[in-house]
Amino acid sequence: MTTYTDLVYLTFLYKVEALDYIVKDNMDTFQKRVMECIDVAIERYLNTNLETRPQIWIKNGPIDVKLYVDEIFYFESSPTPHKLIVYLDNRRIEYIGKIKEVESMYEVFCRCHQSYVVNLMNVKEINKKERVITMSNGAKCLVSTRHLKKVVNQFKKLTSC
């Protein structure tokens, strides 16, 4: 918006992305054009992909919960049949799910035991002798003999990138 039509070149000089050129002296169309610009700006904002962090959705009773993959440490089979527990930095959530489905959600999720799927992004170390994974938050998960080689290979592959 301007009353100085002779300064329009400054838009290009300062590399400003203008939506419209609205002269203030024409009040009949001024408000309409400002509203159109606001609508366009809102539409562009809503169409941008704001979420770049990978995420999963889990259903916790009647509530759908969005979890960022990088905040998940591991999943564990719950003592309650057909339920899983997902461990995050500051909380844990129990929900209905299958551990087999979790391991195929993202490449960083790796089955290490009949009862565990770990997020390789949050693995601090793998002790092959004791068959224990230590997570970056200090939590420990068991690794079965059957899954040990696969876990180590996937961890090396992920950390070598």
N, C-alpha and C. Protein backbone atom coordinates (compact mmCIF):
# COMPACT_ATOMS: atom_id res chain seq x y z
N MET A 1 0.85 -1.17 0.00
CA MET A 1 0.00 0.00 0.00
C MET A 1 0.89 1.23 0.00
N THR A 2 0.51 2.15 -0.79
CA THR A 2 1.31 3.37 -0.84
C THR A 2 0.49 4.54 -1.37
N THR A 3 0.94 5.71 -1.03
CA THR A 3 0.40 6.92 -1.67
C THR A 3 1.44 7.49 -2.60
N TYR A 4 2.63 6.89 -2.59
CA TYR A 4 3.74 7.36 -3.42
C TYR A 4 3.99 6.38 -4.57
N THR A 5 3.31 6.60 -5.66
CA THR A 5 3.45 5.69 -6.80
C THR A 5 4.85 5.73 -7.41
N ASP A 6 5.57 6.79 -7.20
CA ASP A 6 6.91 6.90 -7.78
C ASP A 6 7.95 6.05 -7.02
N LEU A 7 7.59 5.45 -5.87
CA LEU A 7 8.52 4.63 -5.10
C LEU A 7 8.32 3.12 -5.30
N VAL A 8 7.54 2.76 -6.30
CA VAL A 8 7.24 1.35 -6.55
C VAL A 8 8.51 0.54 -6.84
N TYR A 9 9.52 1.16 -7.42
CA TYR A 9 10.76 0.45 -7.74
C TYR A 9 11.47 -0.08 -6.49
N LEU A 10 11.20 0.51 -5.31
CA LEU A 10 11.83 0.05 -4.07
C LEU A 10 11.42 -1.39 -3.72
N THR A 11 10.25 -1.79 -4.19
CA THR A 11 9.80 -3.17 -3.98
C THR A 11 10.83 -4.14 -4.54
N PHE A 12 11.34 -3.82 -5.71
CA PHE A 12 12.32 -4.69 -6.35
C PHE A 12 13.72 -4.48 -5.78
N LEU A 13 14.02 -3.26 -5.41
CA LEU A 13 15.33 -2.95 -4.85
C LEU A 13 15.57 -3.72 -3.55
N TYR A 14 14.54 -3.79 -2.70
CA TYR A 14 14.66 -4.49 -1.42
C TYR A 14 14.25 -5.96 -1.51
N LYS A 15 13.95 -6.42 -2.73
CA LYS A 15 13.58 -7.82 -2.98
C LYS A 15 12.41 -8.27 -2.10
N VAL A 16 11.40 -7.44 -2.04
CA VAL A 16 10.18 -7.74 -1.30
C VAL A 16 9.22 -8.44 -2.26
N GLU A 17 8.59 -9.49 -1.79
CA GLU A 17 7.63 -10.19 -2.63
C GLU A 17 6.25 -9.56 -2.42
N ALA A 18 5.85 -8.75 -3.35
CA ALA A 18 4.57 -8.05 -3.24
C ALA A 18 3.46 -8.91 -3.83
N LEU A 19 2.31 -8.91 -3.19
CA LEU A 19 1.14 -9.61 -3.71
C LEU A 19 0.35 -8.73 -4.67
N ASP A 20 0.37 -7.44 -4.41
CA ASP A 20 -0.43 -6.52 -5.20
C ASP A 20 0.17 -5.12 -5.05
N TYR A 21 -0.24 -4.24 -5.92
CA TYR A 21 0.17 -2.84 -5.83
C TYR A 21 -1.11 -2.05 -5.61
N ILE A 22 -1.31 -1.57 -4.39
CA ILE A 22 -2.55 -0.89 -4.02
C ILE A 22 -2.25 0.56 -3.71
N VAL A 23 -2.86 1.43 -4.47
CA VAL A 23 -2.70 2.87 -4.24
C VAL A 23 -3.81 3.31 -3.29
N LYS A 24 -3.44 4.04 -2.26
CA LYS A 24 -4.39 4.43 -1.21
C LYS A 24 -5.43 5.45 -1.66
N ASP A 25 -5.17 6.15 -2.74
CA ASP A 25 -6.11 7.20 -3.13
C ASP A 25 -7.42 6.66 -3.71
N ASN A 26 -7.48 5.39 -4.05
CA ASN A 26 -8.71 4.80 -4.58
C ASN A 26 -9.36 3.98 -3.47
N MET A 27 -10.12 4.64 -2.60
CA MET A 27 -10.71 3.99 -1.44
C MET A 27 -11.86 3.04 -1.78
N ASP A 28 -12.41 3.15 -2.99
CA ASP A 28 -13.49 2.24 -3.38
C ASP A 28 -12.99 0.79 -3.43
N THR A 29 -11.81 0.60 -3.98
CA THR A 29 -11.29 -0.76 -4.12
C THR A 29 -10.22 -1.11 -3.08
N PHE A 30 -9.81 -0.14 -2.30
CA PHE A 30 -8.72 -0.33 -1.34
C PHE A 30 -8.99 -1.50 -0.38
N GLN A 31 -10.12 -1.45 0.33
CA GLN A 31 -10.43 -2.48 1.32
C GLN A 31 -10.59 -3.86 0.67
N LYS A 32 -11.24 -3.89 -0.48
CA LYS A 32 -11.46 -5.16 -1.18
C LYS A 32 -10.13 -5.80 -1.57
N ARG A 33 -9.21 -5.01 -2.09
CA ARG A 33 -7.92 -5.55 -2.54
C ARG A 33 -7.03 -5.96 -1.36
N VAL A 34 -7.13 -5.24 -0.25
CA VAL A 34 -6.38 -5.63 0.95
C VAL A 34 -6.88 -6.99 1.44
N MET A 35 -8.21 -7.16 1.48
CA MET A 35 -8.79 -8.43 1.93
C MET A 35 -8.40 -9.57 0.99
N GLU A 36 -8.37 -9.31 -0.31
CA GLU A 36 -7.95 -10.33 -1.26
C GLU A 36 -6.50 -10.75 -1.01
N CYS A 37 -5.64 -9.79 -0.71
CA CYS A 37 -4.24 -10.09 -0.42
C CYS A 37 -4.10 -10.92 0.86
N ILE A 38 -4.90 -10.58 1.85
CA ILE A 38 -4.87 -11.35 3.10
C ILE A 38 -5.32 -12.78 2.85
N ASP A 39 -6.38 -12.95 2.05
CA ASP A 39 -6.87 -14.29 1.71
C ASP A 39 -5.80 -15.10 0.98
N VAL A 40 -5.11 -14.48 0.04
CA VAL A 40 -4.05 -15.16 -0.71
C VAL A 40 -2.91 -15.56 0.23
N ALA A 41 -2.54 -14.65 1.13
CA ALA A 41 -1.45 -14.94 2.08
C ALA A 41 -1.81 -16.11 2.99
N ILE A 42 -3.05 -16.13 3.47
CA ILE A 42 -3.50 -17.22 4.34
C ILE A 42 -3.50 -18.54 3.56
N GLU A 43 -4.00 -18.51 2.34
CA GLU A 43 -4.04 -19.72 1.52
C GLU A 43 -2.63 -20.25 1.26
N ARG A 44 -1.71 -19.38 0.94
CA ARG A 44 -0.32 -19.81 0.70
C ARG A 44 0.30 -20.39 1.97
N TYR A 45 0.02 -19.76 3.09
CA TYR A 45 0.55 -20.25 4.36
C TYR A 45 0.02 -21.65 4.67
N LEU A 46 -1.27 -21.86 4.48
CA LEU A 46 -1.87 -23.15 4.79
C LEU A 46 -1.41 -24.24 3.82
N ASN A 47 -1.02 -23.86 2.62
CA ASN A 47 -0.57 -24.84 1.63
C ASN A 47 0.90 -25.21 1.76
N THR A 48 1.64 -24.48 2.58
CA THR A 48 3.04 -24.84 2.76
C THR A 48 3.14 -26.03 3.68
N ASN A 49 4.13 -26.86 3.44
CA ASN A 49 4.32 -28.03 4.29
C ASN A 49 5.13 -27.62 5.51
N LEU A 50 4.44 -27.32 6.58
CA LEU A 50 5.09 -26.83 7.79
C LEU A 50 5.74 -27.96 8.59
N GLU A 51 5.25 -29.17 8.41
CA GLU A 51 5.73 -30.29 9.21
C GLU A 51 6.81 -31.04 8.46
N THR A 52 8.05 -30.86 8.86
CA THR A 52 9.15 -31.55 8.19
C THR A 52 9.68 -32.70 9.04
N ARG A 53 9.33 -32.74 10.31
CA ARG A 53 9.77 -33.83 11.17
C ARG A 53 8.85 -35.03 10.98
N PRO A 54 9.43 -36.22 10.77
CA PRO A 54 8.59 -37.41 10.64
C PRO A 54 7.77 -37.62 11.92
N GLN A 55 6.57 -38.13 11.73
CA GLN A 55 5.67 -38.30 12.87
C GLN A 55 4.82 -39.54 12.68
N ILE A 56 4.29 -40.04 13.77
CA ILE A 56 3.31 -41.12 13.73
C ILE A 56 2.13 -40.71 14.59
N TRP A 57 1.01 -41.33 14.32
CA TRP A 57 -0.20 -41.10 15.12
C TRP A 57 -0.55 -42.40 15.80
N ILE A 58 -0.84 -42.32 17.09
CA ILE A 58 -1.33 -43.49 17.81
C ILE A 58 -2.66 -43.13 18.45
N LYS A 59 -3.46 -44.15 18.65
CA LYS A 59 -4.77 -43.95 19.27
C LYS A 59 -4.68 -44.41 20.72
N ASN A 60 -4.84 -43.48 21.63
CA ASN A 60 -4.79 -43.76 23.06
C ASN A 60 -6.21 -43.60 23.60
N GLY A 61 -6.98 -44.68 23.55
CA GLY A 61 -8.39 -44.59 23.92
C GLY A 61 -9.11 -43.74 22.89
N PRO A 62 -9.87 -42.75 23.33
CA PRO A 62 -10.59 -41.89 22.39
C PRO A 62 -9.73 -40.76 21.80
N ILE A 63 -8.46 -40.70 22.21
CA ILE A 63 -7.61 -39.58 21.82
C ILE A 63 -6.57 -40.03 20.80
N ASP A 64 -6.43 -39.28 19.70
CA ASP A 64 -5.36 -39.50 18.74
C ASP A 64 -4.18 -38.64 19.17
N VAL A 65 -3.01 -39.26 19.25
CA VAL A 65 -1.81 -38.57 19.73
C VAL A 65 -0.76 -38.55 18.62
N LYS A 66 -0.23 -37.35 18.34
CA LYS A 66 0.84 -37.22 17.36
C LYS A 66 2.17 -37.30 18.09
N LEU A 67 3.04 -38.20 17.61
CA LEU A 67 4.36 -38.35 18.20
C LEU A 67 5.41 -38.12 17.12
N TYR A 68 6.41 -37.32 17.43
CA TYR A 68 7.51 -37.12 16.51
C TYR A 68 8.47 -38.30 16.64
N VAL A 69 8.88 -38.85 15.51
CA VAL A 69 9.73 -40.03 15.49
C VAL A 69 11.01 -39.80 16.28
N ASP A 70 11.61 -38.62 16.16
CA ASP A 70 12.88 -38.38 16.85
C ASP A 70 12.74 -38.28 18.38
N GLU A 71 11.52 -38.19 18.88
CA GLU A 71 11.29 -38.13 20.33
C GLU A 71 10.99 -39.51 20.93
N ILE A 72 10.81 -40.50 20.07
CA ILE A 72 10.49 -41.86 20.52
C ILE A 72 11.80 -42.60 20.80
N PHE A 73 11.89 -43.23 21.97
CA PHE A 73 13.06 -44.03 22.30
C PHE A 73 12.84 -45.48 21.91
N TYR A 74 11.75 -46.07 22.40
CA TYR A 74 11.47 -47.46 22.03
C TYR A 74 10.02 -47.82 22.33
N PHE A 75 9.62 -48.95 21.76
CA PHE A 75 8.30 -49.52 22.00
C PHE A 75 8.52 -50.84 22.73
N GLU A 76 7.59 -51.16 23.61
CA GLU A 76 7.67 -52.41 24.37
C GLU A 76 6.29 -53.05 24.41
N SER A 77 6.26 -54.38 24.31
CA SER A 77 5.00 -55.09 24.49
C SER A 77 4.55 -54.90 25.93
N SER A 78 3.29 -54.59 26.10
CA SER A 78 2.73 -54.39 27.43
C SER A 78 2.34 -55.74 28.03
N PRO A 79 2.35 -55.84 29.36
CA PRO A 79 1.83 -57.06 29.99
C PRO A 79 0.34 -57.26 29.67
N THR A 80 -0.36 -56.17 29.37
CA THR A 80 -1.76 -56.25 28.97
C THR A 80 -1.81 -56.73 27.52
N PRO A 81 -2.55 -57.80 27.24
CA PRO A 81 -2.59 -58.33 25.87
C PRO A 81 -3.02 -57.28 24.83
N HIS A 82 -2.39 -57.36 23.66
CA HIS A 82 -2.69 -56.52 22.50
C HIS A 82 -2.34 -55.04 22.70
N LYS A 83 -1.54 -54.74 23.70
CA LYS A 83 -1.17 -53.35 23.94
C LYS A 83 0.35 -53.18 23.85
N LEU A 84 0.74 -51.97 23.48
CA LEU A 84 2.15 -51.58 23.43
C LEU A 84 2.36 -50.38 24.32
N ILE A 85 3.59 -50.19 24.74
CA ILE A 85 3.97 -48.99 25.49
C ILE A 85 5.04 -48.30 24.66
N VAL A 86 4.82 -47.02 24.36
CA VAL A 86 5.83 -46.24 23.66
C VAL A 86 6.48 -45.33 24.70
N TYR A 87 7.82 -45.34 24.69
CA TYR A 87 8.58 -44.55 25.66
C TYR A 87 9.16 -43.33 24.97
N LEU A 88 8.84 -42.17 25.53
CA LEU A 88 9.37 -40.90 25.05
C LEU A 88 10.26 -40.34 26.15
N ASP A 89 10.82 -39.18 25.91
CA ASP A 89 11.75 -38.59 26.87
C ASP A 89 11.12 -38.36 28.24
N ASN A 90 9.92 -37.84 28.26
CA ASN A 90 9.33 -37.46 29.55
C ASN A 90 8.00 -38.14 29.85
N ARG A 91 7.66 -39.14 29.06
CA ARG A 91 6.39 -39.84 29.31
C ARG A 91 6.37 -41.18 28.60
N ARG A 92 5.38 -41.96 28.95
CA ARG A 92 5.13 -43.23 28.28
C ARG A 92 3.64 -43.33 28.02
N ILE A 93 3.30 -43.94 26.90
CA ILE A 93 1.89 -44.04 26.52
C ILE A 93 1.59 -45.49 26.19
N GLU A 94 0.54 -46.02 26.78
CA GLU A 94 0.10 -47.37 26.48
C GLU A 94 -1.08 -47.28 25.52
N TYR A 95 -1.02 -48.08 24.48
CA TYR A 95 -2.08 -48.04 23.47
C TYR A 95 -2.23 -49.40 22.81
N ILE A 96 -3.33 -49.60 22.12
CA ILE A 96 -3.57 -50.86 21.41
C ILE A 96 -2.79 -50.84 20.11
N GLY A 97 -2.01 -51.89 19.88
CA GLY A 97 -1.22 -51.97 18.66
C GLY A 97 -0.45 -53.27 18.58
N LYS A 98 0.19 -53.48 17.43
CA LYS A 98 0.99 -54.68 17.21
C LYS A 98 2.44 -54.27 17.00
N ILE A 99 3.34 -54.96 17.67
CA ILE A 99 4.75 -54.62 17.58
C ILE A 99 5.29 -54.86 16.18
N LYS A 100 4.72 -55.82 15.48
CA LYS A 100 5.14 -56.11 14.10
C LYS A 100 4.84 -54.93 13.18
N GLU A 101 3.73 -54.24 13.42
CA GLU A 101 3.38 -53.07 12.60
C GLU A 101 4.31 -51.89 12.88
N VAL A 102 4.75 -51.75 14.11
CA VAL A 102 5.62 -50.63 14.50
C VAL A 102 6.95 -50.70 13.75
N GLU A 103 7.54 -51.89 13.68
CA GLU A 103 8.87 -52.01 13.08
C GLU A 103 8.89 -51.65 11.60
N SER A 104 7.74 -51.71 10.94
CA SER A 104 7.70 -51.38 9.51
C SER A 104 7.29 -49.93 9.24
N MET A 105 7.04 -49.14 10.29
CA MET A 105 6.61 -47.75 10.10
C MET A 105 7.72 -46.87 9.53
N TYR A 106 8.91 -46.96 10.09
CA TYR A 106 10.04 -46.14 9.67
C TYR A 106 11.31 -46.98 9.69
N GLU A 107 12.24 -46.63 8.84
CA GLU A 107 13.51 -47.35 8.75
C GLU A 107 14.30 -47.30 10.06
N VAL A 108 14.11 -46.25 10.83
CA VAL A 108 14.85 -46.11 12.09
C VAL A 108 14.28 -46.97 13.22
N PHE A 109 13.09 -47.55 13.02
CA PHE A 109 12.52 -48.45 14.01
C PHE A 109 13.04 -49.86 13.71
N CYS A 110 13.66 -50.47 14.70
CA CYS A 110 14.29 -51.78 14.49
C CYS A 110 13.87 -52.74 15.59
N ARG A 111 13.39 -53.90 15.18
CA ARG A 111 13.01 -54.95 16.13
C ARG A 111 14.29 -55.56 16.69
N CYS A 112 14.44 -55.53 18.00
CA CYS A 112 15.65 -56.07 18.62
C CYS A 112 15.36 -57.26 19.53
N HIS A 113 14.08 -57.52 19.75
CA HIS A 113 13.69 -58.55 20.70
C HIS A 113 12.21 -58.83 20.44
N GLN A 114 11.74 -59.94 20.94
CA GLN A 114 10.32 -60.26 20.78
C GLN A 114 9.44 -59.16 21.37
N SER A 115 9.94 -58.49 22.40
CA SER A 115 9.14 -57.49 23.11
C SER A 115 9.52 -56.05 22.84
N TYR A 116 10.57 -55.79 22.04
CA TYR A 116 11.07 -54.43 21.87
C TYR A 116 11.29 -54.05 20.41
N VAL A 117 10.97 -52.79 20.11
CA VAL A 117 11.38 -52.13 18.87
C VAL A 117 12.04 -50.83 19.31
N VAL A 118 13.30 -50.63 18.90
CA VAL A 118 14.02 -49.42 19.31
C VAL A 118 14.08 -48.43 18.15
N ASN A 119 14.21 -47.16 18.51
CA ASN A 119 14.44 -46.11 17.53
C ASN A 119 15.96 -45.94 17.45
N LEU A 120 16.54 -46.36 16.33
CA LEU A 120 18.00 -46.33 16.17
C LEU A 120 18.58 -44.92 16.27
N MET A 121 17.75 -43.90 16.02
CA MET A 121 18.23 -42.52 16.14
C MET A 121 18.58 -42.18 17.58
N ASN A 122 17.98 -42.89 18.52
CA ASN A 122 18.19 -42.59 19.94
C ASN A 122 18.98 -43.67 20.67
N VAL A 123 19.69 -44.51 19.91
CA VAL A 123 20.54 -45.53 20.52
C VAL A 123 21.89 -44.90 20.84
N LYS A 124 22.32 -45.08 22.07
CA LYS A 124 23.63 -44.57 22.50
C LYS A 124 24.72 -45.62 22.24
N GLU A 125 24.43 -46.85 22.64
CA GLU A 125 25.41 -47.93 22.43
C GLU A 125 24.73 -49.29 22.40
N ILE A 126 25.43 -50.24 21.77
CA ILE A 126 24.97 -51.62 21.72
C ILE A 126 26.07 -52.48 22.32
N ASN A 127 25.75 -53.18 23.40
CA ASN A 127 26.69 -54.09 24.04
C ASN A 127 26.39 -55.48 23.50
N LYS A 128 27.24 -55.94 22.57
CA LYS A 128 27.00 -57.24 21.92
C LYS A 128 27.21 -58.40 22.88
N LYS A 129 28.14 -58.25 23.80
CA LYS A 129 28.43 -59.34 24.74
C LYS A 129 27.25 -59.57 25.68
N GLU A 130 26.73 -58.49 26.25
CA GLU A 130 25.61 -58.61 27.19
C GLU A 130 24.25 -58.56 26.48
N ARG A 131 24.28 -58.28 25.19
CA ARG A 131 23.07 -58.17 24.35
C ARG A 131 22.07 -57.17 24.96
N VAL A 132 22.59 -55.94 25.14
CA VAL A 132 21.78 -54.85 25.70
C VAL A 132 22.00 -53.59 24.89
N ILE A 133 20.92 -52.90 24.59
CA ILE A 133 20.99 -51.60 23.92
C ILE A 133 20.76 -50.53 24.98
N THR A 134 21.64 -49.54 25.01
CA THR A 134 21.45 -48.40 25.91
C THR A 134 20.99 -47.22 25.07
N MET A 135 19.88 -46.66 25.46
CA MET A 135 19.32 -45.53 24.73
C MET A 135 19.97 -44.24 25.22
N SER A 136 19.81 -43.17 24.47
CA SER A 136 20.43 -41.89 24.83
C SER A 136 19.89 -41.31 26.13
N ASN A 137 18.73 -41.78 26.58
CA ASN A 137 18.19 -41.32 27.87
C ASN A 137 18.58 -42.25 29.03
N GLY A 138 19.40 -43.27 28.74
CA GLY A 138 19.86 -44.19 29.77
C GLY A 138 19.04 -45.46 29.89
N ALA A 139 17.89 -45.54 29.25
CA ALA A 139 17.05 -46.74 29.29
C ALA A 139 17.77 -47.89 28.59
N LYS A 140 17.47 -49.10 29.02
CA LYS A 140 18.11 -50.28 28.44
C LYS A 140 17.05 -51.21 27.86
N CYS A 141 17.36 -51.78 26.69
CA CYS A 141 16.48 -52.74 26.04
C CYS A 141 17.28 -53.99 25.72
N LEU A 142 16.65 -55.14 25.86
CA LEU A 142 17.31 -56.40 25.54
C LEU A 142 17.40 -56.59 24.03
N VAL A 143 18.45 -57.31 23.62
CA VAL A 143 18.60 -57.69 22.21
C VAL A 143 18.69 -59.21 22.17
N SER A 144 17.83 -59.83 21.38
CA SER A 144 17.89 -61.28 21.27
C SER A 144 19.05 -61.67 20.35
N THR A 145 19.54 -62.89 20.53
CA THR A 145 20.61 -63.41 19.69
C THR A 145 20.18 -63.38 18.23
N ARG A 146 18.95 -63.71 17.99
CA ARG A 146 18.41 -63.76 16.63
C ARG A 146 18.44 -62.39 15.94
N HIS A 147 18.20 -61.32 16.67
CA HIS A 147 18.11 -59.98 16.08
C HIS A 147 19.41 -59.17 16.18
N LEU A 148 20.39 -59.66 16.93
CA LEU A 148 21.60 -58.88 17.22
C LEU A 148 22.33 -58.40 15.96
N LYS A 149 22.59 -59.29 15.04
CA LYS A 149 23.35 -58.93 13.83
C LYS A 149 22.62 -57.86 13.02
N LYS A 150 21.32 -58.05 12.86
CA LYS A 150 20.51 -57.09 12.09
C LYS A 150 20.53 -55.72 12.75
N VAL A 151 20.38 -55.67 14.06
CA VAL A 151 20.37 -54.40 14.80
C VAL A 151 21.71 -53.69 14.64
N VAL A 152 22.80 -54.41 14.81
CA VAL A 152 24.14 -53.81 14.69
C VAL A 152 24.34 -53.27 13.28
N ASN A 153 23.97 -54.05 12.26
CA ASN A 153 24.14 -53.61 10.87
C ASN A 153 23.30 -52.38 10.56
N GLN A 154 22.05 -52.36 11.00
CA GLN A 154 21.19 -51.20 10.75
C GLN A 154 21.70 -49.97 11.49
N PHE A 155 22.19 -50.17 12.69
CA PHE A 155 22.73 -49.05 13.47
C PHE A 155 23.97 -48.47 12.78
N LYS A 156 24.86 -49.34 12.31
CA LYS A 156 26.06 -48.88 11.60
C LYS A 156 25.68 -48.15 10.32
N LYS A 157 24.71 -48.70 9.61
CA LYS A 157 24.25 -48.08 8.36
C LYS A 157 23.70 -46.68 8.63
N LEU A 158 22.91 -46.55 9.67
CA LEU A 158 22.31 -45.26 10.01
C LEU A 158 23.35 -44.25 10.47
N THR A 159 24.30 -44.68 11.28
CA THR A 159 25.28 -43.74 11.82
C THR A 159 26.40 -43.42 10.84
N SER A 160 26.53 -44.20 9.78
CA SER A 160 27.59 -43.91 8.80
C SER A 160 27.16 -42.85 7.79
N CYS A 161 25.89 -42.53 7.76
CA CYS A 161 25.39 -41.53 6.80
C CYS A 161 25.78 -40.13 7.19
